[in-house]
Amino acid sequence: MANVLVTGGAGFIGSHVAEGCLEAGDSVWVVDNLASGVAEDIP
């Protein structure tokens, strides 16, 4: 298990990266200013 920080985690790519890390059992932190992303996309 790893600690992972995903910047831009509310965007398309970032949300998929965060989701994949969660599925792998990692601890995930997401940072996003929501300028173009949507909070509902954060897993």
PDB file of N, CA and C in Angstrom:
ATOM      1  N   MET A   1       0.841  -1.174   0.000  1.00  0.00           N
ATOM      2  CA  MET A   1       0.000   0.000   0.000  1.00  0.00           C
ATOM      3  C   MET A   1       0.887   1.239   0.000  1.00  0.00           C
ATOM      4  N   ALA A   2       0.481   2.227  -0.796  1.00  0.00           N
ATOM      5  CA  ALA A   2       1.234   3.468  -0.900  1.00  0.00           C
ATOM      6  C   ALA A   2       0.321   4.649  -0.583  1.00  0.00           C
ATOM      7  N   ASN A   3       0.924   5.766  -0.212  1.00  0.00           N
ATOM      8  CA  ASN A   3       0.202   7.028  -0.068  1.00  0.00           C
ATOM      9  C   ASN A   3       0.346   7.767  -1.386  1.00  0.00           C
ATOM     10  N   VAL A   4      -0.777   8.168  -1.982  1.00  0.00           N
ATOM     11  CA  VAL A   4      -0.765   8.784  -3.310  1.00  0.00           C
ATOM     12  C   VAL A   4      -1.460  10.135  -3.249  1.00  0.00           C
ATOM     13  N   LEU A   5      -0.839  11.157  -3.854  1.00  0.00           N
ATOM     14  CA  LEU A   5      -1.444  12.471  -4.002  1.00  0.00           C
ATOM     15  C   LEU A   5      -1.737  12.675  -5.477  1.00  0.00           C
ATOM     16  N   VAL A   6      -3.009  12.924  -5.805  1.00  0.00           N
ATOM     17  CA  VAL A   6      -3.406  13.156  -7.193  1.00  0.00           C
ATOM     18  C   VAL A   6      -3.819  14.613  -7.314  1.00  0.00           C
ATOM     19  N   THR A   7      -3.065  15.389  -8.094  1.00  0.00           N
ATOM     20  CA  THR A   7      -3.447  16.774  -8.350  1.00  0.00           C
ATOM     21  C   THR A   7      -4.339  16.775  -9.583  1.00  0.00           C
ATOM     22  N   GLY A   8      -5.365  17.590  -9.554  1.00  0.00           N
ATOM     23  CA  GLY A   8      -6.330  17.593 -10.644  1.00  0.00           C
ATOM     24  C   GLY A   8      -7.238  16.376 -10.587  1.00  0.00           C
ATOM     25  N   GLY A   9      -7.505  15.884  -9.397  1.00  0.00           N
ATOM     26  CA  GLY A   9      -8.251  14.649  -9.215  1.00  0.00           C
ATOM     27  C   GLY A   9      -9.716  14.713  -9.583  1.00  0.00           C
ATOM     28  N   ALA A  10     -10.265  15.905  -9.837  1.00  0.00           N
ATOM     29  CA  ALA A  10     -11.666  16.020 -10.236  1.00  0.00           C
ATOM     30  C   ALA A  10     -11.812  16.028 -11.755  1.00  0.00           C
ATOM     31  N   GLY A  11     -10.708  16.004 -12.465  1.00  0.00           N
ATOM     32  CA  GLY A  11     -10.753  15.954 -13.923  1.00  0.00           C
ATOM     33  C   GLY A  11     -10.852  14.525 -14.422  1.00  0.00           C
ATOM     34  N   PHE A  12     -10.934  14.378 -15.729  1.00  0.00           N
ATOM     35  CA  PHE A  12     -11.107  13.055 -16.334  1.00  0.00           C
ATOM     36  C   PHE A  12      -9.942  12.127 -16.007  1.00  0.00           C
ATOM     37  N   ILE A  13      -8.741  12.556 -16.305  1.00  0.00           N
ATOM     38  CA  ILE A  13      -7.571  11.697 -16.088  1.00  0.00           C
ATOM     39  C   ILE A  13      -7.310  11.504 -14.601  1.00  0.00           C
ATOM     40  N   GLY A  14      -7.319  12.590 -13.836  1.00  0.00           N
ATOM     41  CA  GLY A  14      -7.034  12.501 -12.412  1.00  0.00           C
ATOM     42  C   GLY A  14      -8.009  11.613 -11.657  1.00  0.00           C
ATOM     43  N   SER A  15      -9.289  11.682 -12.010  1.00  0.00           N
ATOM     44  CA  SER A  15     -10.278  10.853 -11.313  1.00  0.00           C
ATOM     45  C   SER A  15     -10.069   9.379 -11.627  1.00  0.00           C
ATOM     46  N   HIS A  16      -9.649   9.068 -12.856  1.00  0.00           N
ATOM     47  CA  HIS A  16      -9.386   7.677 -13.209  1.00  0.00           C
ATOM     48  C   HIS A  16      -8.102   7.166 -12.540  1.00  0.00           C
ATOM     49  N   VAL A  17      -7.113   8.027 -12.412  1.00  0.00           N
ATOM     50  CA  VAL A  17      -5.886   7.650 -11.708  1.00  0.00           C
ATOM     51  C   VAL A  17      -6.200   7.380 -10.243  1.00  0.00           C
ATOM     52  N   ALA A  18      -6.969   8.260  -9.617  1.00  0.00           N
ATOM     53  CA  ALA A  18      -7.336   8.083  -8.216  1.00  0.00           C
ATOM     54  C   ALA A  18      -8.137   6.798  -8.030  1.00  0.00           C
ATOM     55  N   GLU A  19      -9.069   6.535  -8.921  1.00  0.00           N
ATOM     56  CA  GLU A  19      -9.880   5.316  -8.839  1.00  0.00           C
ATOM     57  C   GLU A  19      -9.009   4.064  -8.949  1.00  0.00           C
ATOM     58  N   GLY A  20      -8.064   4.076  -9.877  1.00  0.00           N
ATOM     59  CA  GLY A  20      -7.171   2.933 -10.038  1.00  0.00           C
ATOM     60  C   GLY A  20      -6.309   2.705  -8.822  1.00  0.00           C
ATOM     61  N   CYS A  21      -5.842   3.780  -8.213  1.00  0.00           N
ATOM     62  CA  CYS A  21      -5.027   3.653  -7.001  1.00  0.00           C
ATOM     63  C   CYS A  21      -5.851   3.107  -5.844  1.00  0.00           C
ATOM     64  N   LEU A  22      -7.089   3.564  -5.722  1.00  0.00           N
ATOM     65  CA  LEU A  22      -7.964   3.045  -4.667  1.00  0.00           C
ATOM     66  C   LEU A  22      -8.218   1.559  -4.857  1.00  0.00           C
ATOM     67  N   GLU A  23      -8.450   1.147  -6.103  1.00  0.00           N
ATOM     68  CA  GLU A  23      -8.679  -0.269  -6.391  1.00  0.00           C
ATOM     69  C   GLU A  23      -7.454  -1.116  -6.061  1.00  0.00           C
ATOM     70  N   ALA A  24      -6.263  -0.509  -6.158  1.00  0.00           N
ATOM     71  CA  ALA A  24      -5.023  -1.214  -5.846  1.00  0.00           C
ATOM     72  C   ALA A  24      -4.759  -1.249  -4.340  1.00  0.00           C
ATOM     73  N   GLY A  25      -5.611  -0.576  -3.568  1.00  0.00           N
ATOM     74  CA  GLY A  25      -5.459  -0.583  -2.119  1.00  0.00           C
ATOM     75  C   GLY A  25      -4.635   0.559  -1.566  1.00  0.00           C
ATOM     76  N   ASP A  26      -4.347   1.543  -2.391  1.00  0.00           N
ATOM     77  CA  ASP A  26      -3.552   2.684  -1.948  1.00  0.00           C
ATOM     78  C   ASP A  26      -4.411   3.691  -1.186  1.00  0.00           C
ATOM     79  N   SER A  27      -3.754   4.489  -0.360  1.00  0.00           N
ATOM     80  CA  SER A  27      -4.392   5.600   0.323  1.00  0.00           C
ATOM     81  C   SER A  27      -4.263   6.821  -0.584  1.00  0.00           C
ATOM     82  N   VAL A  28      -5.379   7.436  -0.952  1.00  0.00           N
ATOM     83  CA  VAL A  28      -5.365   8.482  -1.983  1.00  0.00           C
ATOM     84  C   VAL A  28      -5.843   9.811  -1.413  1.00  0.00           C
ATOM     85  N   TRP A  29      -5.083  10.859  -1.698  1.00  0.00           N
ATOM     86  CA  TRP A  29      -5.451  12.236  -1.389  1.00  0.00           C
ATOM     87  C   TRP A  29      -5.633  12.951  -2.721  1.00  0.00           C
ATOM     88  N   VAL A  30      -6.705  13.732  -2.852  1.00  0.00           N
ATOM     89  CA  VAL A  30      -6.994  14.448  -4.097  1.00  0.00           C
ATOM     90  C   VAL A  30      -6.969  15.948  -3.835  1.00  0.00           C
ATOM     91  N   VAL A  31      -6.280  16.675  -4.716  1.00  0.00           N
ATOM     92  CA  VAL A  31      -6.248  18.128  -4.664  1.00  0.00           C
ATOM     93  C   VAL A  31      -6.730  18.648  -6.009  1.00  0.00           C
ATOM     94  N   ASP A  32      -7.707  19.556  -5.971  1.00  0.00           N
ATOM     95  CA  ASP A  32      -8.211  20.143  -7.214  1.00  0.00           C
ATOM     96  C   ASP A  32      -8.868  21.471  -6.868  1.00  0.00           C
ATOM     97  N   ASN A  33      -8.688  22.479  -7.711  1.00  0.00           N
ATOM     98  CA  ASN A  33      -9.314  23.773  -7.467  1.00  0.00           C
ATOM     99  C   ASN A  33     -10.715  23.854  -8.066  1.00  0.00           C
ATOM    100  N   LEU A  34     -11.156  22.797  -8.735  1.00  0.00           N
ATOM    101  CA  LEU A  34     -12.474  22.678  -9.332  1.00  0.00           C
ATOM    102  C   LEU A  34     -12.766  23.765 -10.366  1.00  0.00           C
ATOM    103  N   ALA A  35     -11.719  24.327 -10.978  1.00  0.00           N
ATOM    104  CA  ALA A  35     -11.898  25.329 -12.020  1.00  0.00           C
ATOM    105  C   ALA A  35     -12.528  24.701 -13.266  1.00  0.00           C
ATOM    106  N   SER A  36     -12.151  23.481 -13.571  1.00  0.00           N
ATOM    107  CA  SER A  36     -12.746  22.814 -14.727  1.00  0.00           C
ATOM    108  C   SER A  36     -13.243  21.409 -14.395  1.00  0.00           C
ATOM    109  N   GLY A  37     -12.881  20.884 -13.237  1.00  0.00           N
ATOM    110  CA  GLY A  37     -13.331  19.554 -12.823  1.00  0.00           C
ATOM    111  C   GLY A  37     -14.640  19.644 -12.056  1.00  0.00           C
ATOM    112  N   VAL A  38     -15.210  18.484 -11.772  1.00  0.00           N
ATOM    113  CA  VAL A  38     -16.475  18.390 -11.052  1.00  0.00           C
ATOM    114  C   VAL A  38     -16.263  17.542  -9.812  1.00  0.00           C
ATOM    115  N   ALA A  39     -16.673  18.051  -8.660  1.00  0.00           N
ATOM    116  CA  ALA A  39     -16.443  17.350  -7.392  1.00  0.00           C
ATOM    117  C   ALA A  39     -17.053  15.954  -7.390  1.00  0.00           C
ATOM    118  N   GLU A  40     -18.137  15.744  -8.114  1.00  0.00           N
ATOM    119  CA  GLU A  40     -18.779  14.421  -8.166  1.00  0.00           C
ATOM    120  C   GLU A  40     -17.912  13.377  -8.853  1.00  0.00           C
ATOM    121  N   ASP A  41     -16.893  13.809  -9.598  1.00  0.00           N
ATOM    122  CA  ASP A  41     -15.998  12.877 -10.290  1.00  0.00           C
ATOM    123  C   ASP A  41     -14.899  12.325  -9.390  1.00  0.00           C
ATOM    124  N   ILE A  42     -14.772  12.873  -8.188  1.00  0.00           N
ATOM    125  CA  ILE A  42     -13.748  12.401  -7.259  1.00  0.00           C
ATOM    126  C   ILE A  42     -14.240  11.117  -6.617  1.00  0.00           C
ATOM    127  N   PRO A  43     -13.482  10.016  -6.817  1.00  0.00           N
ATOM    128  CA  PRO A  43     -13.949   8.737  -6.247  1.00  0.00           C
ATOM    129  C   PRO A  43     -13.849   8.709  -4.732  1.00  0.00           C
TER     130      PRO A  43
END
